[in-house]
Amino acid sequence: MAKPKKGEGFHSAAGLIRYFDAEEKTSLKIPPWFVIAMCIATIVIVTTIHVIKPI
């Protein structure tokens, strides 16, 4: 059986934490209310189309 490698988890986790910290500062921020509003708008549009032209 192969021996498990020790100590690699910390280095890879530290790299991911550093990556996500840098990504968080420069990424596009969408407010939660906008996501909810878009979901409601999509529901209204799909329902309206379904009422106007049923399948």
PDB file of N, CA and C in Angstrom:
ATOM      1  N   MET A   1       0.825  -1.184   0.000  1.00  0.00           N
ATOM      2  CA  MET A   1       0.000   0.000   0.000  1.00  0.00           C
ATOM      3  C   MET A   1       0.870   1.249   0.000  1.00  0.00           C
ATOM      4  N   ALA A   2       0.406   2.262  -0.679  1.00  0.00           N
ATOM      5  CA  ALA A   2       1.156   3.514  -0.721  1.00  0.00           C
ATOM      6  C   ALA A   2       0.943   4.296   0.569  1.00  0.00           C
ATOM      7  N   LYS A   3       2.005   4.941   0.992  1.00  0.00           N
ATOM      8  CA  LYS A   3       1.895   5.742   2.211  1.00  0.00           C
ATOM      9  C   LYS A   3       1.193   7.059   1.881  1.00  0.00           C
ATOM     10  N   PRO A   4       0.293   7.502   2.737  1.00  0.00           N
ATOM     11  CA  PRO A   4      -0.357   8.786   2.478  1.00  0.00           C
ATOM     12  C   PRO A   4       0.634   9.939   2.606  1.00  0.00           C
ATOM     13  N   LYS A   5       0.496  10.899   1.737  1.00  0.00           N
ATOM     14  CA  LYS A   5       1.392  12.062   1.774  1.00  0.00           C
ATOM     15  C   LYS A   5       0.903  13.013   2.848  1.00  0.00           C
ATOM     16  N   LYS A   6       1.831  13.470   3.651  1.00  0.00           N
ATOM     17  CA  LYS A   6       1.466  14.391   4.726  1.00  0.00           C
ATOM     18  C   LYS A   6       1.995  15.778   4.414  1.00  0.00           C
ATOM     19  N   GLY A   7       1.254  16.782   4.819  1.00  0.00           N
ATOM     20  CA  GLY A   7       1.712  18.146   4.680  1.00  0.00           C
ATOM     21  C   GLY A   7       1.296  18.830   3.394  1.00  0.00           C
ATOM     22  N   GLU A   8       0.756  18.123   2.408  1.00  0.00           N
ATOM     23  CA  GLU A   8       0.383  18.760   1.151  1.00  0.00           C
ATOM     24  C   GLU A   8      -0.955  19.476   1.253  1.00  0.00           C
ATOM     25  N   GLY A   9      -1.823  19.031   2.125  1.00  0.00           N
ATOM     26  CA  GLY A   9      -3.139  19.635   2.249  1.00  0.00           C
ATOM     27  C   GLY A   9      -3.076  21.088   2.665  1.00  0.00           C
ATOM     28  N   PHE A  10      -2.184  21.413   3.550  1.00  0.00           N
ATOM     29  CA  PHE A  10      -2.074  22.787   4.032  1.00  0.00           C
ATOM     30  C   PHE A  10      -1.620  23.725   2.922  1.00  0.00           C
ATOM     31  N   HIS A  11      -0.638  23.310   2.140  1.00  0.00           N
ATOM     32  CA  HIS A  11      -0.121  24.166   1.080  1.00  0.00           C
ATOM     33  C   HIS A  11      -1.173  24.408   0.009  1.00  0.00           C
ATOM     34  N   SER A  12      -1.892  23.366  -0.379  1.00  0.00           N
ATOM     35  CA  SER A  12      -2.904  23.553  -1.416  1.00  0.00           C
ATOM     36  C   SER A  12      -4.072  24.370  -0.879  1.00  0.00           C
ATOM     37  N   ALA A  13      -4.437  24.191   0.384  1.00  0.00           N
ATOM     38  CA  ALA A  13      -5.523  24.970   0.968  1.00  0.00           C
ATOM     39  C   ALA A  13      -5.114  26.434   1.081  1.00  0.00           C
ATOM     40  N   ALA A  14      -3.877  26.691   1.424  1.00  0.00           N
ATOM     41  CA  ALA A  14      -3.413  28.068   1.531  1.00  0.00           C
ATOM     42  C   ALA A  14      -3.442  28.746   0.168  1.00  0.00           C
ATOM     43  N   GLY A  15      -3.100  28.035  -0.874  1.00  0.00           N
ATOM     44  CA  GLY A  15      -3.164  28.591  -2.228  1.00  0.00           C
ATOM     45  C   GLY A  15      -4.584  28.918  -2.634  1.00  0.00           C
ATOM     46  N   LEU A  16      -5.532  28.038  -2.299  1.00  0.00           N
ATOM     47  CA  LEU A  16      -6.934  28.295  -2.625  1.00  0.00           C
ATOM     48  C   LEU A  16      -7.464  29.493  -1.858  1.00  0.00           C
ATOM     49  N   ILE A  17      -7.090  29.595  -0.594  1.00  0.00           N
ATOM     50  CA  ILE A  17      -7.542  30.736   0.206  1.00  0.00           C
ATOM     51  C   ILE A  17      -6.991  32.025  -0.385  1.00  0.00           C
ATOM     52  N   ARG A  18      -5.747  32.021  -0.773  1.00  0.00           N
ATOM     53  CA  ARG A  18      -5.133  33.203  -1.369  1.00  0.00           C
ATOM     54  C   ARG A  18      -5.817  33.550  -2.692  1.00  0.00           C
ATOM     55  N   TYR A  19      -6.148  32.523  -3.499  1.00  0.00           N
ATOM     56  CA  TYR A  19      -6.812  32.740  -4.784  1.00  0.00           C
ATOM     57  C   TYR A  19      -8.195  33.351  -4.582  1.00  0.00           C
ATOM     58  N   PHE A  20      -8.976  32.794  -3.669  1.00  0.00           N
ATOM     59  CA  PHE A  20     -10.332  33.294  -3.462  1.00  0.00           C
ATOM     60  C   PHE A  20     -10.337  34.669  -2.814  1.00  0.00           C
ATOM     61  N   ASP A  21      -9.357  34.988  -2.001  1.00  0.00           N
ATOM     62  CA  ASP A  21      -9.264  36.337  -1.440  1.00  0.00           C
ATOM     63  C   ASP A  21      -9.003  37.358  -2.548  1.00  0.00           C
ATOM     64  N   ALA A  22      -8.115  37.032  -3.468  1.00  0.00           N
ATOM     65  CA  ALA A  22      -7.815  37.938  -4.576  1.00  0.00           C
ATOM     66  C   ALA A  22      -9.004  38.036  -5.515  1.00  0.00           C
ATOM     67  N   GLU A  23      -9.689  36.934  -5.748  1.00  0.00           N
ATOM     68  CA  GLU A  23     -10.838  36.911  -6.650  1.00  0.00           C
ATOM     69  C   GLU A  23     -11.994  37.719  -6.079  1.00  0.00           C
ATOM     70  N   GLU A  24     -12.157  37.681  -4.777  1.00  0.00           N
ATOM     71  CA  GLU A  24     -13.271  38.366  -4.128  1.00  0.00           C
ATOM     72  C   GLU A  24     -13.190  39.880  -4.317  1.00  0.00           C
ATOM     73  N   LYS A  25     -12.000  40.429  -4.333  1.00  0.00           N
ATOM     74  CA  LYS A  25     -11.843  41.879  -4.439  1.00  0.00           C
ATOM     75  C   LYS A  25     -12.130  42.390  -5.841  1.00  0.00           C
ATOM     76  N   THR A  26     -11.868  41.591  -6.858  1.00  0.00           N
ATOM     77  CA  THR A  26     -12.010  42.048  -8.236  1.00  0.00           C
ATOM     78  C   THR A  26     -13.230  41.474  -8.935  1.00  0.00           C
ATOM     79  N   SER A  27     -13.982  40.608  -8.291  1.00  0.00           N
ATOM     80  CA  SER A  27     -15.094  39.949  -8.964  1.00  0.00           C
ATOM     81  C   SER A  27     -16.325  40.848  -9.025  1.00  0.00           C
ATOM     82  N   LEU A  28     -17.220  40.511  -9.920  1.00  0.00           N
ATOM     83  CA  LEU A  28     -18.478  41.225 -10.071  1.00  0.00           C
ATOM     84  C   LEU A  28     -19.364  40.904  -8.880  1.00  0.00           C
ATOM     85  N   LYS A  29     -19.888  41.917  -8.258  1.00  0.00           N
ATOM     86  CA  LYS A  29     -20.741  41.712  -7.087  1.00  0.00           C
ATOM     87  C   LYS A  29     -22.190  41.956  -7.478  1.00  0.00           C
ATOM     88  N   ILE A  30     -23.037  40.940  -7.298  1.00  0.00           N
ATOM     89  CA  ILE A  30     -24.461  41.040  -7.598  1.00  0.00           C
ATOM     90  C   ILE A  30     -25.203  41.017  -6.271  1.00  0.00           C
ATOM     91  N   PRO A  31     -25.997  42.045  -5.995  1.00  0.00           N
ATOM     92  CA  PRO A  31     -26.721  42.074  -4.725  1.00  0.00           C
ATOM     93  C   PRO A  31     -27.811  40.998  -4.684  1.00  0.00           C
ATOM     94  N   PRO A  32     -28.095  40.462  -3.512  1.00  0.00           N
ATOM     95  CA  PRO A  32     -29.100  39.398  -3.396  1.00  0.00           C
ATOM     96  C   PRO A  32     -30.487  39.830  -3.874  1.00  0.00           C
ATOM     97  N   TRP A  33     -30.856  41.083  -3.665  1.00  0.00           N
ATOM     98  CA  TRP A  33     -32.178  41.526  -4.098  1.00  0.00           C
ATOM     99  C   TRP A  33     -32.302  41.478  -5.611  1.00  0.00           C
ATOM    100  N   PHE A  34     -31.204  41.686  -6.329  1.00  0.00           N
ATOM    101  CA  PHE A  34     -31.230  41.633  -7.790  1.00  0.00           C
ATOM    102  C   PHE A  34     -31.479  40.209  -8.275  1.00  0.00           C
ATOM    103  N   VAL A  35     -30.875  39.239  -7.623  1.00  0.00           N
ATOM    104  CA  VAL A  35     -31.078  37.833  -7.993  1.00  0.00           C
ATOM    105  C   VAL A  35     -32.545  37.444  -7.775  1.00  0.00           C
ATOM    106  N   ILE A  36     -33.109  37.853  -6.644  1.00  0.00           N
ATOM    107  CA  ILE A  36     -34.511  37.535  -6.352  1.00  0.00           C
ATOM    108  C   ILE A  36     -35.429  38.236  -7.353  1.00  0.00           C
ATOM    109  N   ALA A  37     -35.133  39.493  -7.688  1.00  0.00           N
ATOM    110  CA  ALA A  37     -35.946  40.226  -8.657  1.00  0.00           C
ATOM    111  C   ALA A  37     -35.893  39.577 -10.035  1.00  0.00           C
ATOM    112  N   MET A  38     -34.726  39.103 -10.436  1.00  0.00           N
ATOM    113  CA  MET A  38     -34.608  38.432 -11.733  1.00  0.00           C
ATOM    114  C   MET A  38     -35.368  37.107 -11.756  1.00  0.00           C
ATOM    115  N   CYS A  39     -35.374  36.389 -10.640  1.00  0.00           N
ATOM    116  CA  CYS A  39     -36.144  35.141 -10.561  1.00  0.00           C
ATOM    117  C   CYS A  39     -37.634  35.428 -10.695  1.00  0.00           C
ATOM    118  N   ILE A  40     -38.107  36.449  -9.998  1.00  0.00           N
ATOM    119  CA  ILE A  40     -39.529  36.811 -10.071  1.00  0.00           C
ATOM    120  C   ILE A  40     -39.872  37.280 -11.482  1.00  0.00           C
ATOM    121  N   ALA A  41     -39.021  38.076 -12.097  1.00  0.00           N
ATOM    122  CA  ALA A  41     -39.267  38.545 -13.461  1.00  0.00           C
ATOM    123  C   ALA A  41     -39.318  37.375 -14.442  1.00  0.00           C
ATOM    124  N   THR A  42     -38.435  36.405 -14.281  1.00  0.00           N
ATOM    125  CA  THR A  42     -38.439  35.231 -15.151  1.00  0.00           C
ATOM    126  C   THR A  42     -39.728  34.439 -14.982  1.00  0.00           C
ATOM    127  N   ILE A  43     -40.185  34.267 -13.757  1.00  0.00           N
ATOM    128  CA  ILE A  43     -41.434  33.550 -13.502  1.00  0.00           C
ATOM    129  C   ILE A  43     -42.605  34.275 -14.160  1.00  0.00           C
ATOM    130  N   VAL A  44     -42.642  35.601 -14.031  1.00  0.00           N
ATOM    131  CA  VAL A  44     -43.730  36.379 -14.627  1.00  0.00           C
ATOM    132  C   VAL A  44     -43.705  36.268 -16.149  1.00  0.00           C
ATOM    133  N   ILE A  45     -42.538  36.365 -16.750  1.00  0.00           N
ATOM    134  CA  ILE A  45     -42.416  36.288 -18.213  1.00  0.00           C
ATOM    135  C   ILE A  45     -42.832  34.916 -18.723  1.00  0.00           C
ATOM    136  N   VAL A  46     -42.344  33.856 -18.099  1.00  0.00           N
ATOM    137  CA  VAL A  46     -42.673  32.501 -18.544  1.00  0.00           C
ATOM    138  C   VAL A  46     -44.168  32.233 -18.369  1.00  0.00           C
ATOM    139  N   THR A  47     -44.745  32.654 -17.256  1.00  0.00           N
ATOM    140  CA  THR A  47     -46.163  32.450 -17.026  1.00  0.00           C
ATOM    141  C   THR A  47     -46.994  33.234 -18.028  1.00  0.00           C
ATOM    142  N   THR A  48     -46.613  34.467 -18.330  1.00  0.00           N
ATOM    143  CA  THR A  48     -47.330  35.282 -19.309  1.00  0.00           C
ATOM    144  C   THR A  48     -47.285  34.649 -20.686  1.00  0.00           C
ATOM    145  N   ILE A  49     -46.140  34.179 -21.085  1.00  0.00           N
ATOM    146  CA  ILE A  49     -46.014  33.517 -22.405  1.00  0.00           C
ATOM    147  C   ILE A  49     -46.860  32.255 -22.432  1.00  0.00           C
ATOM    148  N   HIS A  50     -46.882  31.524 -21.351  1.00  0.00           N
ATOM    149  CA  HIS A  50     -47.676  30.296 -21.295  1.00  0.00           C
ATOM    150  C   HIS A  50     -49.168  30.597 -21.368  1.00  0.00           C
ATOM    151  N   VAL A  51     -49.612  31.689 -20.767  1.00  0.00           N
ATOM    152  CA  VAL A  51     -51.038  32.068 -20.810  1.00  0.00           C
ATOM    153  C   VAL A  51     -51.408  32.557 -22.210  1.00  0.00           C
ATOM    154  N   ILE A  52     -50.520  33.351 -22.837  1.00  0.00           N
ATOM    155  CA  ILE A  52     -50.817  33.881 -24.166  1.00  0.00           C
ATOM    156  C   ILE A  52     -50.798  32.779 -25.225  1.00  0.00           C
ATOM    157  N   LYS A  53     -49.802  31.926 -25.175  1.00  0.00           N
ATOM    158  CA  LYS A  53     -49.671  30.860 -26.166  1.00  0.00           C
ATOM    159  C   LYS A  53     -49.466  29.532 -25.460  1.00  0.00           C
ATOM    160  N   PRO A  54     -50.557  28.858 -25.102  1.00  0.00           N
ATOM    161  CA  PRO A  54     -50.395  27.556 -24.411  1.00  0.00           C
ATOM    162  C   PRO A  54     -49.839  26.497 -25.374  1.00  0.00           C
ATOM    163  N   ILE A  55     -49.211  25.536 -24.812  1.00  0.00           N
ATOM    164  CA  ILE A  55     -48.584  24.463 -25.606  1.00  0.00           C
ATOM    165  C   ILE A  55     -49.647  23.528 -26.144  1.00  0.00           C
TER     166      ILE A  55
END
